[in-house]
Amino acid sequence: MGDGSPGSPPRIEFSVDNPDNGRFSAQRQSMSDCDSQLDTSGLFCPEPVMMLHSKIRDMAVGETVEVLATDPATTRDIPKFCNFLGHDLYYQVEEGDCYIYRLRKGGAA
């Protein structure tokens, strides 16, 4: 996974910008295929999902967003959010203390 072979998702490396607030910045080895990015790092439940809901509201059906998070609760909350509202969560990975999600807006919401 993330080894650069065809069909493998791009690998994302993280570096801590400020250890006091837990925020990180994604350093991409290859460009994400997403239309936009939402960085919720350093935020805790319910803020990441609230920000995602606001972001999704401004997107067109079929557009994609990559969500970066540091809250472990997002591993439960974001999949449930997508399932409940009909969005396609097509990529989810945990790298250390960081969580990356890619989703496509569905017809609901």
Protein backbone atom coordinates (compact mmCIF):
# COMPACT_ATOMS: atom_id res chain seq x y z
CA MET A 1 0.00 0.00 0.00
CA GLY A 2 1.39 3.39 -0.97
CA ASP A 3 4.42 1.78 -2.61
CA GLY A 4 4.05 3.72 -5.85
CA SER A 5 2.78 0.77 -7.88
CA PRO A 6 -0.16 1.40 -10.23
CA GLY A 7 -3.47 1.45 -8.36
CA SER A 8 -1.80 1.91 -5.00
CA PRO A 9 -2.91 4.97 -3.00
CA PRO A 10 -0.35 7.74 -2.61
CA ARG A 11 1.72 7.54 0.55
CA ILE A 12 1.51 10.55 2.82
CA GLU A 13 4.23 11.46 5.28
CA PHE A 14 3.54 13.64 8.29
CA SER A 15 5.66 16.05 10.24
CA VAL A 16 4.61 17.78 13.43
CA ASP A 17 4.39 21.57 13.03
CA ASN A 18 3.80 22.29 16.69
CA PRO A 19 3.99 19.48 19.23
CA ASP A 20 1.90 21.53 21.68
CA ASN A 21 -1.30 21.43 19.63
CA GLY A 22 -0.85 18.15 17.75
CA ARG A 23 -1.32 19.68 14.28
CA PHE A 24 0.50 18.12 11.36
CA SER A 25 1.14 18.98 7.76
CA ALA A 26 0.88 16.45 4.95
CA GLN A 27 3.94 16.26 2.73
CA ARG A 28 2.77 14.48 -0.42
CA GLN A 29 5.02 12.25 -2.44
CA SER A 30 2.32 12.29 -5.11
CA MET A 31 -0.71 14.51 -5.60
CA SER A 32 -4.03 13.48 -4.07
CA ASP A 33 -6.83 12.82 -6.50
CA CYS A 34 -9.22 14.85 -4.32
CA ASP A 35 -10.86 18.13 -5.27
CA SER A 36 -10.22 19.65 -1.84
CA GLN A 37 -8.67 19.00 1.55
CA LEU A 38 -9.96 19.53 5.09
CA ASP A 39 -7.39 19.61 7.90
CA THR A 40 -9.07 18.86 11.24
CA SER A 41 -5.86 17.94 13.04
CA GLY A 42 -5.74 19.02 16.67
CA LEU A 43 -9.55 19.07 16.92
CA PHE A 44 -11.66 16.62 18.91
CA CYS A 45 -15.17 15.20 18.63
CA PRO A 46 -17.52 16.63 17.47
CA GLU A 47 -15.54 19.33 15.58
CA PRO A 48 -14.03 17.15 12.79
CA VAL A 49 -17.44 15.82 11.71
CA MET A 50 -19.06 19.25 12.07
CA MET A 51 -16.38 20.76 9.81
CA LEU A 52 -16.78 17.89 7.35
CA HIS A 53 -20.54 18.40 7.27
CA SER A 54 -20.05 22.10 6.51
CA LYS A 55 -17.49 21.29 3.79
CA ILE A 56 -19.74 18.68 2.17
CA ARG A 57 -22.61 21.18 2.08
CA ASP A 58 -20.51 23.46 -0.17
CA MET A 59 -19.47 20.65 -2.55
CA ALA A 60 -21.20 19.41 -5.69
CA VAL A 61 -22.37 15.80 -5.93
CA GLY A 62 -19.43 13.64 -7.05
CA GLU A 63 -16.71 15.98 -5.78
CA THR A 64 -14.11 14.55 -3.42
CA VAL A 65 -12.46 15.74 -0.22
CA GLU A 66 -9.50 14.47 1.75
CA VAL A 67 -9.82 14.80 5.53
CA LEU A 68 -6.76 14.87 7.77
CA ALA A 69 -7.40 14.18 11.46
CA THR A 70 -5.64 13.37 14.71
CA ASP A 71 -8.72 12.41 16.77
CA PRO A 72 -9.08 8.61 17.05
CA ALA A 73 -12.87 9.06 17.35
CA THR A 74 -12.92 9.94 13.63
CA THR A 75 -12.32 6.24 12.85
CA ARG A 76 -15.86 5.67 14.12
CA ASP A 77 -17.50 9.01 13.36
CA ILE A 78 -16.51 9.65 9.73
CA PRO A 79 -17.55 6.20 8.41
CA LYS A 80 -20.90 6.53 10.25
CA PHE A 81 -21.36 10.06 8.88
CA CYS A 82 -20.76 8.81 5.32
CA ASN A 83 -23.01 5.79 5.71
CA PHE A 84 -25.85 7.81 7.24
CA LEU A 85 -25.75 10.59 4.63
CA GLY A 86 -24.94 8.45 1.59
CA HIS A 87 -21.39 9.59 0.86
CA ASP A 88 -18.71 7.23 -0.49
CA LEU A 89 -15.79 6.73 1.92
CA TYR A 90 -13.37 5.18 -0.56
CA TYR A 91 -10.08 5.55 1.34
CA GLN A 92 -9.25 5.35 5.05
CA VAL A 93 -5.82 4.88 6.57
CA GLU A 94 -4.10 5.37 9.91
CA GLU A 95 -0.47 6.46 9.90
CA GLY A 96 0.83 6.72 13.44
CA ASP A 97 -1.38 9.22 15.28
CA CYS A 98 -2.79 10.62 12.02
CA TYR A 99 -5.90 9.54 10.14
CA ILE A 100 -6.60 10.17 6.47
CA TYR A 101 -10.01 9.81 4.81
CA ARG A 102 -11.08 10.40 1.23
CA LEU A 103 -14.72 10.60 0.37
CA ARG A 104 -16.98 11.43 -2.53
CA LYS A 105 -20.15 13.41 -1.98
CA GLY A 106 -23.28 11.42 -2.62
CA GLY A 107 -26.72 12.65 -3.69
CA ALA A 108 -28.03 13.22 -0.13
CA ALA A 109 -27.13 16.30 1.96
